[in-house]
Structure formats: C-alpha cells, structure tokens
Amino acid sequence: MEPLHLTVRSSSGAVYLEASPAWTIAEVKAKVATELGIPVELQRLLTPCLLKHHSPGLEDTEPLSACLPGEGVTALELKLVHRSAEEAEWIRRVQLDPHSLEFAPERVRDDVKVLLTAVGLRGEALR
C-alpha cells in the first residue's frame, strides 16, 4: 500500500504525516496529540466536505482510506476543530450512561456529536 501524505490543519498549526491508508482516525488523533499537544478527546477531525456540511466529524474507527475521494489519491487534508472541554466531558458521560443526556443543559442536548453518541449506544436516549 502506497503511503499517504496527510496534512492536518488547525488554528494551532499544521501537522504533516506520512500515513498508511489503513490508519484509523484514532491513530491520526494520537499522532496529532503528540505533535500539537491537543488531547485526543478535544479533537474533531473533518474532511473539507464534512466541514462544509457541519458534520460532527469522522469516527475514530474509520480508516483513512474511507476519507479518500478516489483510487490512486496519495494526499489528504483534514481539518482539526477543537472540541470544548464541556462537549468532551458530556460525550464521555453519555458513553458511560446514555440516559445522562436527560440531565444535560440544552446546549449540550443540541450538540450533534453528543446526540449521536447517545443514540448510537441506546436509541431511546432521545426520549
């Protein structure tokens, strides 16, 4: 498998990596944490297309190959958006107990990533 020239851009700078298309998003976040000092749980990685559509971000289990726009592509750019500490904390809480969402402030209940985490674990968490 040919190496992938990966650029991760954020307001804190950019990280340039020679990556394997088989790397997961979680592996990329770990490398970014080492390079930029941004904790993994505060990172949200997006492709330019996802950024344009206000997506909650790429899933940690996704391989980089799933982000490539086509065959033979050897370069990829991702955008790093910082999560707030509050968002990261509520994602952690909801992963432990999806029903904790009912006690969250409204701004947290409106957060797409927090909602998707709760629903992914337990569909009735939206009730």
Protein backbone atom coordinates (compact mmCIF):
# COMPACT_ATOMS: atom_id res chain seq x y z
CA MET A 1 0.00 0.00 0.00
CA GLU A 2 1.42 3.37 -1.04
CA PRO A 3 1.97 5.88 1.80
CA LEU A 4 -0.48 8.72 2.14
CA HIS A 5 0.73 12.29 2.53
CA LEU A 6 -1.55 13.56 5.27
CA THR A 7 -1.92 17.17 6.36
CA VAL A 8 -3.94 18.03 9.46
CA ARG A 9 -4.60 21.78 9.77
CA SER A 10 -5.85 23.59 12.85
CA SER A 11 -5.79 27.08 14.30
CA SER A 12 -2.72 25.89 16.29
CA GLY A 13 -0.74 24.98 13.18
CA ALA A 14 -0.39 22.04 10.84
CA VAL A 15 0.91 18.52 11.14
CA TYR A 16 2.38 16.73 8.12
CA LEU A 17 2.44 12.94 8.34
CA GLU A 18 3.36 10.07 6.08
CA ALA A 19 0.49 7.75 6.92
CA SER A 20 -0.84 4.40 5.90
CA PRO A 21 -4.34 4.46 4.37
CA ALA A 22 -5.11 1.69 6.88
CA TRP A 23 -4.56 4.02 9.88
CA THR A 24 -7.72 4.80 11.79
CA ILE A 25 -8.84 8.29 12.72
CA ALA A 26 -7.97 7.38 16.34
CA GLU A 27 -4.36 6.72 15.25
CA VAL A 28 -4.23 10.08 13.46
CA LYS A 29 -5.57 11.84 16.57
CA ALA A 30 -2.86 10.19 18.68
CA LYS A 31 -0.16 11.48 16.29
CA VAL A 32 -1.70 14.97 16.33
CA ALA A 33 -1.79 14.90 20.14
CA THR A 34 1.92 14.13 20.17
CA GLU A 35 2.78 16.81 17.60
CA LEU A 36 0.50 19.67 18.70
CA GLY A 37 -0.23 18.77 22.31
CA ILE A 38 -4.01 18.76 21.79
CA PRO A 39 -5.62 15.94 23.80
CA VAL A 40 -7.33 13.30 21.67
CA GLU A 41 -10.72 13.83 23.33
CA LEU A 42 -10.66 17.52 22.33
CA GLN A 43 -10.01 16.77 18.65
CA ARG A 44 -12.65 16.64 15.94
CA LEU A 45 -11.28 15.71 12.50
CA LEU A 46 -13.16 16.55 9.32
CA THR A 47 -12.65 16.40 5.59
CA PRO A 48 -13.32 19.70 3.76
CA CYS A 49 -16.67 18.28 2.56
CA LEU A 50 -17.76 17.35 6.10
CA LEU A 51 -16.70 20.75 7.37
CA LYS A 52 -18.87 22.44 4.76
CA HIS A 53 -21.90 20.38 5.87
CA HIS A 54 -21.39 20.97 9.62
CA SER A 55 -20.75 17.31 10.29
CA PRO A 56 -19.95 16.06 13.80
CA GLY A 57 -16.68 14.67 12.45
CA LEU A 58 -15.01 11.46 11.40
CA GLU A 59 -15.46 8.42 13.61
CA ASP A 60 -12.39 7.14 15.47
CA THR A 61 -12.76 3.65 13.95
CA GLU A 62 -12.83 4.89 10.33
CA PRO A 63 -9.73 4.13 8.25
CA LEU A 64 -8.11 6.98 6.34
CA SER A 65 -8.82 5.06 3.14
CA ALA A 66 -12.55 5.77 3.68
CA CYS A 67 -11.79 9.52 3.52
CA LEU A 68 -10.07 9.37 0.14
CA PRO A 69 -12.08 10.82 -2.75
CA GLY A 70 -10.97 8.15 -5.23
CA GLU A 71 -8.49 5.50 -6.32
CA GLY A 72 -4.85 6.49 -6.65
CA VAL A 73 -5.11 9.53 -4.36
CA THR A 74 -1.89 9.89 -2.36
CA ALA A 75 -2.57 13.11 -0.43
CA LEU A 76 -5.29 14.01 2.02
CA GLU A 77 -6.01 17.12 4.06
CA LEU A 78 -8.05 17.02 7.25
CA LYS A 79 -9.24 19.94 9.34
CA LEU A 80 -8.89 19.77 13.10
CA VAL A 81 -11.61 21.55 15.04
CA HIS A 82 -11.16 21.84 18.80
CA ARG A 83 -13.95 20.42 20.93
CA SER A 84 -14.79 22.31 24.08
CA ALA A 85 -13.91 20.60 27.34
CA GLU A 86 -17.64 20.58 28.15
CA GLU A 87 -18.51 18.76 24.92
CA ALA A 88 -15.76 16.19 25.54
CA GLU A 89 -17.00 15.66 29.11
CA TRP A 90 -20.61 15.12 28.01
CA ILE A 91 -19.53 12.70 25.27
CA ARG A 92 -17.67 10.74 27.97
CA ARG A 93 -20.70 10.82 30.30
CA VAL A 94 -23.08 9.70 27.57
CA GLN A 95 -20.74 6.85 26.59
CA LEU A 96 -20.90 5.64 30.20
CA ASP A 97 -24.67 6.20 30.56
CA PRO A 98 -26.76 7.30 27.54
CA HIS A 99 -29.59 8.33 29.88
CA SER A 100 -27.37 11.02 31.43
CA LEU A 101 -28.33 13.12 28.40
CA GLU A 102 -31.63 13.99 30.07
CA PHE A 103 -29.69 15.89 32.77
CA ALA A 104 -27.54 17.82 30.30
CA PRO A 105 -28.01 21.54 29.64
CA GLU A 106 -29.98 22.36 26.49
CA ARG A 107 -26.86 23.47 24.56
CA VAL A 108 -25.37 20.01 25.19
CA ARG A 109 -28.60 18.22 24.17
CA ASP A 110 -28.44 20.24 20.92
CA ASP A 111 -24.86 19.10 20.22
CA VAL A 112 -24.97 16.67 17.27
CA LYS A 113 -21.95 14.60 18.38
CA VAL A 114 -23.32 14.15 21.91
CA LEU A 115 -26.72 13.13 20.49
CA LEU A 116 -25.20 10.70 18.00
CA THR A 117 -23.13 9.13 20.77
CA ALA A 118 -26.22 8.62 22.95
CA VAL A 119 -28.39 7.28 20.13
CA GLY A 120 -25.62 5.01 18.88
CA LEU A 121 -25.46 3.39 22.30
CA ARG A 122 -29.14 3.42 23.11
CA GLY A 123 -31.78 4.66 20.68
CA GLU A 124 -34.35 5.51 23.32
CA ALA A 125 -31.96 8.08 24.85
CA LEU A 126 -33.74 10.69 22.71
CA ARG A 127 -36.98 10.28 24.64
